[in-house]
Amino acid sequence: MESNIKEGKTAAIISYILIFGPLIAISMNSENKNTFASFHIRQGLGITLTFITLGLTISHFDSVMIAAPMWVFISVLSVYGIFTAARGETNPLPLLGRFFQKWLKFL
């Protein structure tokens, strides 16, 4: 288990970089599937999809009062994910993490 975490840690951390991170991590994990990396790739891809969805929705309002909380929310989730991946843990993200694991289980 420890070697599994060590091998997948780089891909796991990269997966939390918005938009391009999950794509890079998916390609890094494509040949030798690593369960630790796959868990964090699902979480990182979920954050990216949430960011895009909220961004498209909020962009119609053109207000900092609406956009700032979205940025804080996405940033907190990303930082939390990076730290859990760096510590070698598989804790789902608060609020949405369990849904990301269910919805993106094909990864």
PDB file of N, CA and C in Angstrom:
ATOM      1  N   MET A   1       0.826  -1.200   0.000  1.00  0.00           N
ATOM      2  CA  MET A   1       0.000   0.000   0.000  1.00  0.00           C
ATOM      3  C   MET A   1       0.867   1.259   0.000  1.00  0.00           C
ATOM      4  N   GLU A   2       1.931   1.246   0.808  1.00  0.00           N
ATOM      5  CA  GLU A   2       2.820   2.402   0.902  1.00  0.00           C
ATOM      6  C   GLU A   2       3.500   2.696  -0.432  1.00  0.00           C
ATOM      7  N   SER A   3       3.900   1.648  -1.154  1.00  0.00           N
ATOM      8  CA  SER A   3       4.532   1.863  -2.460  1.00  0.00           C
ATOM      9  C   SER A   3       3.520   2.385  -3.480  1.00  0.00           C
ATOM     10  N   ASN A   4       2.263   1.950  -3.346  1.00  0.00           N
ATOM     11  CA  ASN A   4       1.189   2.431  -4.212  1.00  0.00           C
ATOM     12  C   ASN A   4       1.009   3.941  -4.046  1.00  0.00           C
ATOM     13  N   ILE A   5       1.046   4.402  -2.801  1.00  0.00           N
ATOM     14  CA  ILE A   5       0.905   5.834  -2.518  1.00  0.00           C
ATOM     15  C   ILE A   5       2.104   6.592  -3.058  1.00  0.00           C
ATOM     16  N   LYS A   6       3.300   6.064  -2.818  1.00  0.00           N
ATOM     17  CA  LYS A   6       4.523   6.741  -3.268  1.00  0.00           C
ATOM     18  C   LYS A   6       4.556   6.871  -4.790  1.00  0.00           C
ATOM     19  N   GLU A   7       4.153   5.820  -5.501  1.00  0.00           N
ATOM     20  CA  GLU A   7       4.158   5.846  -6.965  1.00  0.00           C
ATOM     21  C   GLU A   7       3.111   6.801  -7.532  1.00  0.00           C
ATOM     22  N   GLY A   8       1.973   6.922  -6.876  1.00  0.00           N
ATOM     23  CA  GLY A   8       0.885   7.748  -7.397  1.00  0.00           C
ATOM     24  C   GLY A   8       0.832   9.167  -6.885  1.00  0.00           C
ATOM     25  N   LYS A   9       1.735   9.527  -5.971  1.00  0.00           N
ATOM     26  CA  LYS A   9       1.664  10.840  -5.316  1.00  0.00           C
ATOM     27  C   LYS A   9       1.817  12.002  -6.291  1.00  0.00           C
ATOM     28  N   THR A  10       2.730  11.903  -7.245  1.00  0.00           N
ATOM     29  CA  THR A  10       2.947  13.007  -8.189  1.00  0.00           C
ATOM     30  C   THR A  10       1.698  13.258  -9.021  1.00  0.00           C
ATOM     31  N   ALA A  11       1.129  12.200  -9.587  1.00  0.00           N
ATOM     32  CA  ALA A  11      -0.095  12.345 -10.388  1.00  0.00           C
ATOM     33  C   ALA A  11      -1.238  12.861  -9.524  1.00  0.00           C
ATOM     34  N   ALA A  12      -1.296  12.406  -8.270  1.00  0.00           N
ATOM     35  CA  ALA A  12      -2.364  12.841  -7.365  1.00  0.00           C
ATOM     36  C   ALA A  12      -2.292  14.335  -7.108  1.00  0.00           C
ATOM     37  N   ILE A  13      -1.096  14.848  -6.856  1.00  0.00           N
ATOM     38  CA  ILE A  13      -0.940  16.278  -6.581  1.00  0.00           C
ATOM     39  C   ILE A  13      -1.217  17.105  -7.833  1.00  0.00           C
ATOM     40  N   ILE A  14      -0.705  16.654  -8.978  1.00  0.00           N
ATOM     41  CA  ILE A  14      -0.911  17.379 -10.240  1.00  0.00           C
ATOM     42  C   ILE A  14      -2.392  17.468 -10.599  1.00  0.00           C
ATOM     43  N   SER A  15      -3.164  16.470 -10.218  1.00  0.00           N
ATOM     44  CA  SER A  15      -4.579  16.437 -10.599  1.00  0.00           C
ATOM     45  C   SER A  15      -5.383  17.607 -10.030  1.00  0.00           C
ATOM     46  N   TYR A  16      -4.866  18.286  -9.024  1.00  0.00           N
ATOM     47  CA  TYR A  16      -5.601  19.406  -8.412  1.00  0.00           C
ATOM     48  C   TYR A  16      -5.306  20.754  -9.057  1.00  0.00           C
ATOM     49  N   ILE A  17      -4.440  20.783 -10.072  1.00  0.00           N
ATOM     50  CA  ILE A  17      -4.195  22.022 -10.804  1.00  0.00           C
ATOM     51  C   ILE A  17      -5.352  22.190 -11.786  1.00  0.00           C
ATOM     52  N   LEU A  18      -6.124  23.250 -11.643  1.00  0.00           N
ATOM     53  CA  LEU A  18      -7.350  23.418 -12.420  1.00  0.00           C
ATOM     54  C   LEU A  18      -7.131  23.268 -13.924  1.00  0.00           C
ATOM     55  N   ILE A  19      -8.077  22.681 -14.574  1.00  0.00           N
ATOM     56  CA  ILE A  19      -8.233  22.476 -16.005  1.00  0.00           C
ATOM     57  C   ILE A  19      -7.192  21.516 -16.581  1.00  0.00           C
ATOM     58  N   PHE A  20      -5.908  21.875 -16.594  1.00  0.00           N
ATOM     59  CA  PHE A  20      -4.917  21.019 -17.245  1.00  0.00           C
ATOM     60  C   PHE A  20      -4.389  19.919 -16.339  1.00  0.00           C
ATOM     61  N   GLY A  21      -4.403  20.125 -15.035  1.00  0.00           N
ATOM     62  CA  GLY A  21      -3.889  19.141 -14.093  1.00  0.00           C
ATOM     63  C   GLY A  21      -4.533  17.773 -14.210  1.00  0.00           C
ATOM     64  N   PRO A  22      -5.870  17.701 -14.206  1.00  0.00           N
ATOM     65  CA  PRO A  22      -6.495  16.381 -14.338  1.00  0.00           C
ATOM     66  C   PRO A  22      -6.151  15.692 -15.653  1.00  0.00           C
ATOM     67  N   LEU A  23      -6.043  16.454 -16.729  1.00  0.00           N
ATOM     68  CA  LEU A  23      -5.708  15.850 -18.023  1.00  0.00           C
ATOM     69  C   LEU A  23      -4.297  15.273 -18.001  1.00  0.00           C
ATOM     70  N   ILE A  24      -3.355  16.007 -17.418  1.00  0.00           N
ATOM     71  CA  ILE A  24      -1.979  15.517 -17.304  1.00  0.00           C
ATOM     72  C   ILE A  24      -1.935  14.286 -16.401  1.00  0.00           C
ATOM     73  N   ALA A  25      -2.634  14.340 -15.269  1.00  0.00           N
ATOM     74  CA  ALA A  25      -2.639  13.226 -14.326  1.00  0.00           C
ATOM     75  C   ALA A  25      -3.283  11.984 -14.928  1.00  0.00           C
ATOM     76  N   ILE A  26      -4.346  12.160 -15.715  1.00  0.00           N
ATOM     77  CA  ILE A  26      -4.987  11.015 -16.370  1.00  0.00           C
ATOM     78  C   ILE A  26      -4.006  10.348 -17.326  1.00  0.00           C
ATOM     79  N   SER A  27      -3.253  11.146 -18.084  1.00  0.00           N
ATOM     80  CA  SER A  27      -2.285  10.556 -19.007  1.00  0.00           C
ATOM     81  C   SER A  27      -1.134   9.889 -18.255  1.00  0.00           C
ATOM     82  N   MET A  28      -0.728  10.454 -17.111  1.00  0.00           N
ATOM     83  CA  MET A  28       0.324   9.835 -16.301  1.00  0.00           C
ATOM     84  C   MET A  28      -0.135   8.502 -15.722  1.00  0.00           C
ATOM     85  N   ASN A  29      -1.410   8.380 -15.452  1.00  0.00           N
ATOM     86  CA  ASN A  29      -1.963   7.191 -14.794  1.00  0.00           C
ATOM     87  C   ASN A  29      -2.576   6.202 -15.784  1.00  0.00           C
ATOM     88  N   SER A  30      -2.472   6.467 -17.075  1.00  0.00           N
ATOM     89  CA  SER A  30      -3.189   5.652 -18.060  1.00  0.00           C
ATOM     90  C   SER A  30      -2.602   4.252 -18.249  1.00  0.00           C
ATOM     91  N   GLU A  31      -1.294   4.113 -18.240  1.00  0.00           N
ATOM     92  CA  GLU A  31      -0.708   2.791 -18.479  1.00  0.00           C
ATOM     93  C   GLU A  31      -0.780   1.901 -17.250  1.00  0.00           C
ATOM     94  N   ASN A  32      -0.180   2.344 -16.175  1.00  0.00           N
ATOM     95  CA  ASN A  32      -0.194   1.572 -14.929  1.00  0.00           C
ATOM     96  C   ASN A  32      -1.168   2.233 -13.967  1.00  0.00           C
ATOM     97  N   LYS A  33      -2.375   1.700 -13.914  1.00  0.00           N
ATOM     98  CA  LYS A  33      -3.404   2.291 -13.053  1.00  0.00           C
ATOM     99  C   LYS A  33      -2.977   2.205 -11.587  1.00  0.00           C
ATOM    100  N   ASN A  34      -2.974   3.342 -10.942  1.00  0.00           N
ATOM    101  CA  ASN A  34      -2.641   3.435  -9.536  1.00  0.00           C
ATOM    102  C   ASN A  34      -3.908   3.873  -8.800  1.00  0.00           C
ATOM    103  N   THR A  35      -4.349   3.085  -7.826  1.00  0.00           N
ATOM    104  CA  THR A  35      -5.617   3.380  -7.149  1.00  0.00           C
ATOM    105  C   THR A  35      -5.560   4.690  -6.366  1.00  0.00           C
ATOM    106  N   PHE A  36      -4.420   4.986  -5.756  1.00  0.00           N
ATOM    107  CA  PHE A  36      -4.268   6.243  -5.015  1.00  0.00           C
ATOM    108  C   PHE A  36      -4.381   7.438  -5.963  1.00  0.00           C
ATOM    109  N   ALA A  37      -3.672   7.369  -7.075  1.00  0.00           N
ATOM    110  CA  ALA A  37      -3.724   8.453  -8.063  1.00  0.00           C
ATOM    111  C   ALA A  37      -5.129   8.568  -8.650  1.00  0.00           C
ATOM    112  N   SER A  38      -5.764   7.449  -8.936  1.00  0.00           N
ATOM    113  CA  SER A  38      -7.117   7.464  -9.515  1.00  0.00           C
ATOM    114  C   SER A  38      -8.108   8.160  -8.590  1.00  0.00           C
ATOM    115  N   PHE A  39      -8.000   7.895  -7.286  1.00  0.00           N
ATOM    116  CA  PHE A  39      -8.873   8.553  -6.316  1.00  0.00           C
ATOM    117  C   PHE A  39      -8.726  10.074  -6.428  1.00  0.00           C
ATOM    118  N   HIS A  40      -7.492  10.553  -6.424  1.00  0.00           N
ATOM    119  CA  HIS A  40      -7.265  11.995  -6.455  1.00  0.00           C
ATOM    120  C   HIS A  40      -7.548  12.594  -7.829  1.00  0.00           C
ATOM    121  N   ILE A  41      -7.390  11.827  -8.885  1.00  0.00           N
ATOM    122  CA  ILE A  41      -7.749  12.313 -10.223  1.00  0.00           C
ATOM    123  C   ILE A  41      -9.252  12.559 -10.298  1.00  0.00           C
ATOM    124  N   ARG A  42     -10.035  11.654  -9.724  1.00  0.00           N
ATOM    125  CA  ARG A  42     -11.491  11.863  -9.693  1.00  0.00           C
ATOM    126  C   ARG A  42     -11.839  13.131  -8.911  1.00  0.00           C
ATOM    127  N   GLN A  43     -11.161  13.350  -7.791  1.00  0.00           N
ATOM    128  CA  GLN A  43     -11.415  14.540  -6.985  1.00  0.00           C
ATOM    129  C   GLN A  43     -11.004  15.810  -7.753  1.00  0.00           C
ATOM    130  N   GLY A  44      -9.820  15.783  -8.359  1.00  0.00           N
ATOM    131  CA  GLY A  44      -9.329  16.948  -9.101  1.00  0.00           C
ATOM    132  C   GLY A  44     -10.164  17.264 -10.328  1.00  0.00           C
ATOM    133  N   LEU A  45     -10.576  16.229 -11.050  1.00  0.00           N
ATOM    134  CA  LEU A  45     -11.437  16.432 -12.214  1.00  0.00           C
ATOM    135  C   LEU A  45     -12.797  16.967 -11.780  1.00  0.00           C
ATOM    136  N   GLY A  46     -13.285  16.490 -10.648  1.00  0.00           N
ATOM    137  CA  GLY A  46     -14.548  17.001 -10.111  1.00  0.00           C
ATOM    138  C   GLY A  46     -14.469  18.482  -9.772  1.00  0.00           C
ATOM    139  N   ILE A  47     -13.356  18.901  -9.174  1.00  0.00           N
ATOM    140  CA  ILE A  47     -13.172  20.329  -8.873  1.00  0.00           C
ATOM    141  C   ILE A  47     -13.140  21.132 -10.164  1.00  0.00           C
ATOM    142  N   THR A  48     -12.432  20.629 -11.168  1.00  0.00           N
ATOM    143  CA  THR A  48     -12.345  21.344 -12.446  1.00  0.00           C
ATOM    144  C   THR A  48     -13.707  21.464 -13.099  1.00  0.00           C
ATOM    145  N   LEU A  49     -14.480  20.395 -13.109  1.00  0.00           N
ATOM    146  CA  LEU A  49     -15.824  20.440 -13.702  1.00  0.00           C
ATOM    147  C   LEU A  49     -16.736  21.384 -12.918  1.00  0.00           C
ATOM    148  N   THR A  50     -16.608  21.390 -11.602  1.00  0.00           N
ATOM    149  CA  THR A  50     -17.380  22.311 -10.767  1.00  0.00           C
ATOM    150  C   THR A  50     -16.979  23.749 -11.067  1.00  0.00           C
ATOM    151  N   PHE A  51     -15.679  23.992 -11.211  1.00  0.00           N
ATOM    152  CA  PHE A  51     -15.175  25.323 -11.537  1.00  0.00           C
ATOM    153  C   PHE A  51     -15.734  25.818 -12.865  1.00  0.00           C
ATOM    154  N   ILE A  52     -15.713  24.963 -13.871  1.00  0.00           N
ATOM    155  CA  ILE A  52     -16.226  25.348 -15.196  1.00  0.00           C
ATOM    156  C   ILE A  52     -17.728  25.609 -15.129  1.00  0.00           C
ATOM    157  N   THR A  53     -18.462  24.725 -14.466  1.00  0.00           N
ATOM    158  CA  THR A  53     -19.915  24.883 -14.360  1.00  0.00           C
ATOM    159  C   THR A  53     -20.286  26.158 -13.609  1.00  0.00           C
ATOM    160  N   LEU A  54     -19.673  26.360 -12.452  1.00  0.00           N
ATOM    161  CA  LEU A  54     -19.961  27.578 -11.691  1.00  0.00           C
ATOM    162  C   LEU A  54     -19.508  28.818 -12.443  1.00  0.00           C
ATOM    163  N   GLY A  55     -18.345  28.737 -13.090  1.00  0.00           N
ATOM    164  CA  GLY A  55     -17.829  29.873 -13.840  1.00  0.00           C
ATOM    165  C   GLY A  55     -18.745  30.287 -14.965  1.00  0.00           C
ATOM    166  N   LEU A  56     -19.271  29.303 -15.701  1.00  0.00           N
ATOM    167  CA  LEU A  56     -20.200  29.622 -16.791  1.00  0.00           C
ATOM    168  C   LEU A  56     -21.494  30.228 -16.263  1.00  0.00           C
ATOM    169  N   THR A  57     -21.952  29.715 -15.135  1.00  0.00           N
ATOM    170  CA  THR A  57     -23.192  30.216 -14.547  1.00  0.00           C
ATOM    171  C   THR A  57     -22.999  31.621 -13.978  1.00  0.00           C
ATOM    172  N   ILE A  58     -21.927  31.819 -13.255  1.00  0.00           N
ATOM    173  CA  ILE A  58     -21.682  33.088 -12.574  1.00  0.00           C
ATOM    174  C   ILE A  58     -21.252  34.184 -13.541  1.00  0.00           C
ATOM    175  N   SER A  59     -20.673  33.827 -14.668  1.00  0.00           N
ATOM    176  CA  SER A  59     -20.172  34.837 -15.613  1.00  0.00           C
ATOM    177  C   SER A  59     -21.282  35.741 -16.151  1.00  0.00           C
ATOM    178  N   HIS A  60     -22.518  35.305 -16.077  1.00  0.00           N
ATOM    179  CA  HIS A  60     -23.636  36.115 -16.552  1.00  0.00           C
ATOM    180  C   HIS A  60     -23.959  37.276 -15.613  1.00  0.00           C
ATOM    181  N   PHE A  61     -23.498  37.193 -14.369  1.00  0.00           N
ATOM    182  CA  PHE A  61     -23.835  38.223 -13.388  1.00  0.00           C
ATOM    183  C   PHE A  61     -22.860  39.382 -13.366  1.00  0.00           C
ATOM    184  N   ASP A  62     -21.604  39.163 -13.724  1.00  0.00           N
ATOM    185  CA  ASP A  62     -20.592  40.222 -13.780  1.00  0.00           C
ATOM    186  C   ASP A  62     -20.505  40.996 -12.461  1.00  0.00           C
ATOM    187  N   SER A  63     -20.382  40.248 -11.368  1.00  0.00           N
ATOM    188  CA  SER A  63     -20.311  40.860 -10.047  1.00  0.00           C
ATOM    189  C   SER A  63     -19.231  40.175  -9.217  1.00  0.00           C
ATOM    190  N   VAL A  64     -18.383  40.985  -8.591  1.00  0.00           N
ATOM    191  CA  VAL A  64     -17.336  40.442  -7.730  1.00  0.00           C
ATOM    192  C   VAL A  64     -17.947  39.788  -6.490  1.00  0.00           C
ATOM    193  N   MET A  65     -19.062  40.302  -6.037  1.00  0.00           N
ATOM    194  CA  MET A  65     -19.731  39.742  -4.857  1.00  0.00           C
ATOM    195  C   MET A  65     -20.219  38.317  -5.100  1.00  0.00           C
ATOM    196  N   ILE A  66     -20.433  37.969  -6.343  1.00  0.00           N
ATOM    197  CA  ILE A  66     -20.863  36.610  -6.684  1.00  0.00           C
ATOM    198  C   ILE A  66     -19.650  35.757  -7.064  1.00  0.00           C
ATOM    199  N   ALA A  67     -18.692  36.331  -7.772  1.00  0.00           N
ATOM    200  CA  ALA A  67     -17.542  35.569  -8.249  1.00  0.00           C
ATOM    201  C   ALA A  67     -16.540  35.241  -7.135  1.00  0.00           C
ATOM    202  N   ALA A  68     -16.329  36.153  -6.208  1.00  0.00           N
ATOM    203  CA  ALA A  68     -15.330  35.942  -5.157  1.00  0.00           C
ATOM    204  C   ALA A  68     -15.601  34.695  -4.316  1.00  0.00           C
ATOM    205  N   PRO A  69     -16.837  34.460  -3.854  1.00  0.00           N
ATOM    206  CA  PRO A  69     -17.081  33.232  -3.086  1.00  0.00           C
ATOM    207  C   PRO A  69     -16.805  31.953  -3.885  1.00  0.00           C
ATOM    208  N   MET A  70     -17.073  31.991  -5.197  1.00  0.00           N
ATOM    209  CA  MET A  70     -16.786  30.818  -6.022  1.00  0.00           C
ATOM    210  C   MET A  70     -15.286  30.556  -6.040  1.00  0.00           C
ATOM    211  N   TRP A  71     -14.487  31.604  -6.220  1.00  0.00           N
ATOM    212  CA  TRP A  71     -13.032  31.447  -6.256  1.00  0.00           C
ATOM    213  C   TRP A  71     -12.502  30.947  -4.920  1.00  0.00           C
ATOM    214  N   VAL A  72     -13.040  31.459  -3.840  1.00  0.00           N
ATOM    215  CA  VAL A  72     -12.614  31.010  -2.510  1.00  0.00           C
ATOM    216  C   VAL A  72     -12.971  29.534  -2.327  1.00  0.00           C
ATOM    217  N   PHE A  73     -14.182  29.153  -2.699  1.00  0.00           N
ATOM    218  CA  PHE A  73     -14.648  27.773  -2.574  1.00  0.00           C
ATOM    219  C   PHE A  73     -13.751  26.824  -3.365  1.00  0.00           C
ATOM    220  N   ILE A  74     -13.487  27.139  -4.620  1.00  0.00           N
ATOM    221  CA  ILE A  74     -12.661  26.293  -5.476  1.00  0.00           C
ATOM    222  C   ILE A  74     -11.226  26.249  -4.952  1.00  0.00           C
ATOM    223  N   SER A  75     -10.708  27.383  -4.508  1.00  0.00           N
ATOM    224  CA  SER A  75      -9.337  27.431  -3.992  1.00  0.00           C
ATOM    225  C   SER A  75      -9.178  26.599  -2.729  1.00  0.00           C
ATOM    226  N   VAL A  76     -10.136  26.694  -1.822  1.00  0.00           N
ATOM    227  CA  VAL A  76     -10.076  25.917  -0.582  1.00  0.00           C
ATOM    228  C   VAL A  76     -10.128  24.426  -0.894  1.00  0.00           C
ATOM    229  N   LEU A  77     -11.009  24.013  -1.784  1.00  0.00           N
ATOM    230  CA  LEU A  77     -11.085  22.605  -2.149  1.00  0.00           C
ATOM    231  C   LEU A  77      -9.786  22.122  -2.792  1.00  0.00           C
ATOM    232  N   SER A  78      -9.196  22.925  -3.655  1.00  0.00           N
ATOM    233  CA  SER A  78      -7.955  22.542  -4.323  1.00  0.00           C
ATOM    234  C   SER A  78      -6.801  22.415  -3.335  1.00  0.00           C
ATOM    235  N   VAL A  79      -6.677  23.376  -2.442  1.00  0.00           N
ATOM    236  CA  VAL A  79      -5.601  23.331  -1.444  1.00  0.00           C
ATOM    237  C   VAL A  79      -5.792  22.130  -0.518  1.00  0.00           C
ATOM    238  N   TYR A  80      -7.016  21.885  -0.097  1.00  0.00           N
ATOM    239  CA  TYR A  80      -7.309  20.724   0.752  1.00  0.00           C
ATOM    240  C   TYR A  80      -6.912  19.438   0.021  1.00  0.00           C
ATOM    241  N   GLY A  81      -7.262  19.337  -1.252  1.00  0.00           N
ATOM    242  CA  GLY A  81      -6.924  18.150  -2.028  1.00  0.00           C
ATOM    243  C   GLY A  81      -5.431  17.962  -2.177  1.00  0.00           C
ATOM    244  N   ILE A  82      -4.709  19.037  -2.436  1.00  0.00           N
ATOM    245  CA  ILE A  82      -3.251  18.952  -2.575  1.00  0.00           C
ATOM    246  C   ILE A  82      -2.625  18.461  -1.269  1.00  0.00           C
ATOM    247  N   PHE A  83      -3.066  19.004  -0.147  1.00  0.00           N
ATOM    248  CA  PHE A  83      -2.488  18.598   1.128  1.00  0.00           C
ATOM    249  C   PHE A  83      -2.823  17.148   1.482  1.00  0.00           C
ATOM    250  N   THR A  84      -4.043  16.698   1.195  1.00  0.00           N
ATOM    251  CA  THR A  84      -4.360  15.297   1.491  1.00  0.00           C
ATOM    252  C   THR A  84      -3.565  14.358   0.579  1.00  0.00           C
ATOM    253  N   ALA A  85      -3.369  14.742  -0.674  1.00  0.00           N
ATOM    254  CA  ALA A  85      -2.567  13.917  -1.582  1.00  0.00           C
ATOM    255  C   ALA A  85      -1.111  13.888  -1.130  1.00  0.00           C
ATOM    256  N   ALA A  86      -0.576  15.020  -0.716  1.00  0.00           N
ATOM    257  CA  ALA A  86       0.815  15.088  -0.269  1.00  0.00           C
ATOM    258  C   ALA A  86       1.041  14.275   1.005  1.00  0.00           C
ATOM    259  N   ARG A  87       0.022  14.201   1.864  1.00  0.00           N
ATOM    260  CA  ARG A  87       0.126  13.407   3.096  1.00  0.00           C
ATOM    261  C   ARG A  87      -0.114  11.920   2.843  1.00  0.00           C
ATOM    262  N   GLY A  88      -0.543  11.575   1.639  1.00  0.00           N
ATOM    263  CA  GLY A  88      -0.794  10.166   1.325  1.00  0.00           C
ATOM    264  C   GLY A  88      -2.133   9.658   1.814  1.00  0.00           C
ATOM    265  N   GLU A  89      -3.096  10.552   1.978  1.00  0.00           N
ATOM    266  CA  GLU A  89      -4.426  10.185   2.466  1.00  0.00           C
ATOM    267  C   GLU A  89      -5.430  10.157   1.323  1.00  0.00           C
ATOM    268  N   THR A  90      -6.502   9.423   1.522  1.00  0.00           N
ATOM    269  CA  THR A  90      -7.583   9.373   0.530  1.00  0.00           C
ATOM    270  C   THR A  90      -8.889   9.834   1.174  1.00  0.00           C
ATOM    271  N   ASN A  91      -8.883  11.064   1.657  1.00  0.00           N
ATOM    272  CA  ASN A  91     -10.097  11.659   2.223  1.00  0.00           C
ATOM    273  C   ASN A  91     -10.846  12.386   1.118  1.00  0.00           C
ATOM    274  N   PRO A  92     -12.135  12.105   0.944  1.00  0.00           N
ATOM    275  CA  PRO A  92     -12.894  12.852  -0.065  1.00  0.00           C
ATOM    276  C   PRO A  92     -12.989  14.327   0.318  1.00  0.00           C
ATOM    277  N   LEU A  93     -13.094  15.166  -0.694  1.00  0.00           N
ATOM    278  CA  LEU A  93     -13.233  16.604  -0.460  1.00  0.00           C
ATOM    279  C   LEU A  93     -14.523  16.892   0.298  1.00  0.00           C
ATOM    280  N   PRO A  94     -14.523  17.942   1.119  1.00  0.00           N
ATOM    281  CA  PRO A  94     -15.757  18.306   1.823  1.00  0.00           C
ATOM    282  C   PRO A  94     -16.880  18.649   0.831  1.00  0.00           C
ATOM    283  N   LEU A  95     -18.076  18.337   1.185  1.00  0.00           N
ATOM    284  CA  LEU A  95     -19.303  18.619   0.436  1.00  0.00           C
ATOM    285  C   LEU A  95     -19.462  17.776  -0.837  1.00  0.00           C
ATOM    286  N   LEU A  96     -18.506  17.810  -1.739  1.00  0.00           N
ATOM    287  CA  LEU A  96     -18.697  17.208  -3.058  1.00  0.00           C
ATOM    288  C   LEU A  96     -17.875  15.953  -3.322  1.00  0.00           C
ATOM    289  N   GLY A  97     -16.888  15.668  -2.512  1.00  0.00           N
ATOM    290  CA  GLY A  97     -15.945  14.579  -2.780  1.00  0.00           C
ATOM    291  C   GLY A  97     -16.584  13.213  -2.984  1.00  0.00           C
ATOM    292  N   ARG A  98     -17.557  12.881  -2.186  1.00  0.00           N
ATOM    293  CA  ARG A  98     -18.224  11.567  -2.329  1.00  0.00           C
ATOM    294  C   ARG A  98     -18.975  11.474  -3.662  1.00  0.00           C
ATOM    295  N   PHE A  99     -19.558  12.580  -4.081  1.00  0.00           N
ATOM    296  CA  PHE A  99     -20.243  12.594  -5.380  1.00  0.00           C
ATOM    297  C   PHE A  99     -19.244  12.418  -6.522  1.00  0.00           C
ATOM    298  N   PHE A 100     -18.092  13.082  -6.420  1.00  0.00           N
ATOM    299  CA  PHE A 100     -17.077  12.944  -7.469  1.00  0.00           C
ATOM    300  C   PHE A 100     -16.625  11.497  -7.594  1.00  0.00           C
ATOM    301  N   GLN A 101     -16.481  10.803  -6.468  1.00  0.00           N
ATOM    302  CA  GLN A 101     -16.060   9.401  -6.512  1.00  0.00           C
ATOM    303  C   GLN A 101     -17.122   8.532  -7.191  1.00  0.00           C
ATOM    304  N   LYS A 102     -18.396   8.834  -6.962  1.00  0.00           N
ATOM    305  CA  LYS A 102     -19.485   8.070  -7.588  1.00  0.00           C
ATOM    306  C   LYS A 102     -19.608   8.389  -9.077  1.00  0.00           C
ATOM    307  N   TRP A 103     -19.638   9.646  -9.411  1.00  0.00           N
ATOM    308  CA  TRP A 103     -19.894  10.085 -10.770  1.00  0.00           C
ATOM    309  C   TRP A 103     -18.741   9.799 -11.712  1.00  0.00           C
ATOM    310  N   LEU A 104     -17.514   9.810 -11.213  1.00  0.00           N
ATOM    311  CA  LEU A 104     -16.348   9.666 -12.070  1.00  0.00           C
ATOM    312  C   LEU A 104     -15.626   8.329 -11.847  1.00  0.00           C
ATOM    313  N   LYS A 105     -16.367   7.302 -11.422  1.00  0.00           N
ATOM    314  CA  LYS A 105     -15.736   6.025 -11.106  1.00  0.00           C
ATOM    315  C   LYS A 105     -15.147   5.316 -12.327  1.00  0.00           C
ATOM    316  N   PHE A 106     -15.452   5.776 -13.524  1.00  0.00           N
ATOM    317  CA  PHE A 106     -14.906   5.166 -14.731  1.00  0.00           C
ATOM    318  C   PHE A 106     -13.412   5.487 -14.915  1.00  0.00           C
ATOM    319  N   LEU A 107     -12.873   6.427 -14.141  1.00  0.00           N
ATOM    320  CA  LEU A 107     -11.454   6.781 -14.257  1.00  0.00           C
ATOM    321  C   LEU A 107     -10.597   5.862 -13.412  1.00  0.00           C
TER     322      LEU A 107
END
